[in-house]
Amino acid sequence: MNSKKAKHVRRRAKELMVDWIKSMVPNDQHKDITVENLDKFTPDETHIYANRKVILSAYSFRWFIKKIKKLYNSKNININNITLKDIEND
């Protein structure tokens, strides 16, 4: 994946993370969550240790990137058209 696509994937991952966090909080707090302050609402740890393996933590930034790349490569979906439902159904 070239650098322009990778940058686009990371940008889309942040947008989808904001959408996911907004779906978890009450409606009056939606305006407080933006892409710029996203790191205040997410943990720093990206991996967990389970069953003698180190695996990627679900709904982390790196997890979103991985899911977007998987959808983009396997189903040839445009990166802008990937939604939170597509990622959850994958």
C-alpha atoms as a PDB file:
ATOM      1  CA  MET A   1       0.000   0.000   0.000  1.00  0.00           C
ATOM      2  CA  ASN A   2       1.486   3.312  -0.997  1.00  0.00           C
ATOM      3  CA  SER A   3       1.821   6.247   1.369  1.00  0.00           C
ATOM      4  CA  LYS A   4      -1.179   8.144   0.011  1.00  0.00           C
ATOM      5  CA  LYS A   5      -3.509   5.173   0.522  1.00  0.00           C
ATOM      6  CA  ALA A   6      -2.061   4.502   3.971  1.00  0.00           C
ATOM      7  CA  LYS A   7      -2.655   8.109   4.992  1.00  0.00           C
ATOM      8  CA  HIS A   8      -6.220   7.887   3.694  1.00  0.00           C
ATOM      9  CA  VAL A   9      -6.776   4.632   5.648  1.00  0.00           C
ATOM     10  CA  ARG A  10      -5.498   6.191   8.895  1.00  0.00           C
ATOM     11  CA  ARG A  11      -7.716   9.239   8.410  1.00  0.00           C
ATOM     12  CA  ARG A  12     -10.769   7.043   7.776  1.00  0.00           C
ATOM     13  CA  ALA A  13      -9.904   4.891  10.810  1.00  0.00           C
ATOM     14  CA  LYS A  14      -9.991   7.966  13.039  1.00  0.00           C
ATOM     15  CA  GLU A  15     -13.350   9.007  11.602  1.00  0.00           C
ATOM     16  CA  LEU A  16     -14.796   5.555  12.223  1.00  0.00           C
ATOM     17  CA  MET A  17     -13.407   5.505  15.764  1.00  0.00           C
ATOM     18  CA  VAL A  18     -15.175   8.796  16.469  1.00  0.00           C
ATOM     19  CA  ASP A  19     -18.420   7.327  15.107  1.00  0.00           C
ATOM     20  CA  TRP A  20     -17.991   4.226  17.260  1.00  0.00           C
ATOM     21  CA  ILE A  21     -17.300   6.214  20.436  1.00  0.00           C
ATOM     22  CA  LYS A  22     -20.261   8.487  19.729  1.00  0.00           C
ATOM     23  CA  SER A  23     -22.487   5.419  19.491  1.00  0.00           C
ATOM     24  CA  MET A  24     -21.416   4.455  23.013  1.00  0.00           C
ATOM     25  CA  VAL A  25     -21.982   7.779  24.813  1.00  0.00           C
ATOM     26  CA  PRO A  26     -25.174   9.773  25.430  1.00  0.00           C
ATOM     27  CA  ASN A  27     -26.301  12.284  22.781  1.00  0.00           C
ATOM     28  CA  ASP A  28     -25.426  15.356  24.837  1.00  0.00           C
ATOM     29  CA  GLN A  29     -21.723  14.372  24.828  1.00  0.00           C
ATOM     30  CA  HIS A  30     -21.415  13.889  21.051  1.00  0.00           C
ATOM     31  CA  LYS A  31     -20.112  17.399  20.444  1.00  0.00           C
ATOM     32  CA  ASP A  32     -17.206  16.791  22.869  1.00  0.00           C
ATOM     33  CA  ILE A  33     -15.749  13.948  20.801  1.00  0.00           C
ATOM     34  CA  THR A  34     -13.764  14.947  17.715  1.00  0.00           C
ATOM     35  CA  VAL A  35     -10.884  13.545  15.698  1.00  0.00           C
ATOM     36  CA  GLU A  36      -8.502  16.036  17.348  1.00  0.00           C
ATOM     37  CA  ASN A  37      -9.203  14.879  20.919  1.00  0.00           C
ATOM     38  CA  LEU A  38      -9.759  11.211  20.115  1.00  0.00           C
ATOM     39  CA  ASP A  39      -6.712  10.053  22.081  1.00  0.00           C
ATOM     40  CA  LYS A  40      -8.291  11.287  25.336  1.00  0.00           C
ATOM     41  CA  PHE A  41     -11.086   8.725  24.916  1.00  0.00           C
ATOM     42  CA  THR A  42      -9.031   5.699  23.853  1.00  0.00           C
ATOM     43  CA  PRO A  43      -6.489   3.643  25.811  1.00  0.00           C
ATOM     44  CA  ASP A  44      -2.805   3.721  24.901  1.00  0.00           C
ATOM     45  CA  GLU A  45      -2.483  -0.064  24.831  1.00  0.00           C
ATOM     46  CA  THR A  46      -3.059  -1.648  21.433  1.00  0.00           C
ATOM     47  CA  HIS A  47      -2.382  -5.299  22.268  1.00  0.00           C
ATOM     48  CA  ILE A  48      -3.545  -7.743  24.917  1.00  0.00           C
ATOM     49  CA  TYR A  49      -2.115 -11.018  26.126  1.00  0.00           C
ATOM     50  CA  ALA A  50      -4.585 -13.907  25.994  1.00  0.00           C
ATOM     51  CA  ASN A  51      -4.155 -17.682  25.649  1.00  0.00           C
ATOM     52  CA  ARG A  52      -0.362 -17.374  25.500  1.00  0.00           C
ATOM     53  CA  LYS A  53      -0.614 -14.998  22.542  1.00  0.00           C
ATOM     54  CA  VAL A  54      -0.281 -11.289  22.072  1.00  0.00           C
ATOM     55  CA  ILE A  55      -3.255 -10.174  19.996  1.00  0.00           C
ATOM     56  CA  LEU A  56      -4.577  -6.853  18.754  1.00  0.00           C
ATOM     57  CA  SER A  57      -7.077  -5.238  21.085  1.00  0.00           C
ATOM     58  CA  ALA A  58     -10.537  -4.834  19.565  1.00  0.00           C
ATOM     59  CA  TYR A  59     -11.708  -1.335  18.614  1.00  0.00           C
ATOM     60  CA  SER A  60      -8.260   0.204  18.952  1.00  0.00           C
ATOM     61  CA  PHE A  61      -6.805   2.501  16.301  1.00  0.00           C
ATOM     62  CA  ARG A  62      -4.623  -0.241  14.866  1.00  0.00           C
ATOM     63  CA  TRP A  63      -7.602  -2.643  14.826  1.00  0.00           C
ATOM     64  CA  PHE A  64      -9.624  -0.182  12.740  1.00  0.00           C
ATOM     65  CA  ILE A  65      -6.710   0.200  10.302  1.00  0.00           C
ATOM     66  CA  LYS A  66      -6.436  -3.563   9.976  1.00  0.00           C
ATOM     67  CA  LYS A  67     -10.164  -3.978   9.283  1.00  0.00           C
ATOM     68  CA  ILE A  68     -10.239  -1.170   6.715  1.00  0.00           C
ATOM     69  CA  LYS A  69      -7.268  -2.645   4.861  1.00  0.00           C
ATOM     70  CA  LYS A  70      -8.901  -6.073   4.902  1.00  0.00           C
ATOM     71  CA  LEU A  71     -12.166  -4.734   3.454  1.00  0.00           C
ATOM     72  CA  TYR A  72     -10.348  -2.614   0.884  1.00  0.00           C
ATOM     73  CA  ASN A  73      -8.172  -5.482  -0.349  1.00  0.00           C
ATOM     74  CA  SER A  74     -10.685  -8.333  -0.275  1.00  0.00           C
ATOM     75  CA  LYS A  75     -13.941  -6.722  -1.376  1.00  0.00           C
ATOM     76  CA  ASN A  76     -12.579  -3.764  -3.366  1.00  0.00           C
ATOM     77  CA  ILE A  77     -14.740  -1.330  -1.433  1.00  0.00           C
ATOM     78  CA  ASN A  78     -13.771   2.322  -1.722  1.00  0.00           C
ATOM     79  CA  ILE A  79     -12.210   3.546   1.516  1.00  0.00           C
ATOM     80  CA  ASN A  80     -14.714   6.402   1.795  1.00  0.00           C
ATOM     81  CA  ASN A  81     -17.630   3.969   1.511  1.00  0.00           C
ATOM     82  CA  ILE A  82     -16.545   1.745   4.407  1.00  0.00           C
ATOM     83  CA  THR A  83     -18.908   2.209   7.332  1.00  0.00           C
ATOM     84  CA  LEU A  84     -18.930   1.118  10.933  1.00  0.00           C
ATOM     85  CA  LYS A  85     -21.463  -1.608  10.066  1.00  0.00           C
ATOM     86  CA  ASP A  86     -19.109  -3.034   7.433  1.00  0.00           C
ATOM     87  CA  ILE A  87     -16.343  -3.278   9.994  1.00  0.00           C
ATOM     88  CA  GLU A  88     -18.577  -4.823  12.648  1.00  0.00           C
ATOM     89  CA  ASN A  89     -19.934  -7.398  10.173  1.00  0.00           C
ATOM     90  CA  ASP A  90     -16.463  -8.417   9.032  1.00  0.00           C
END
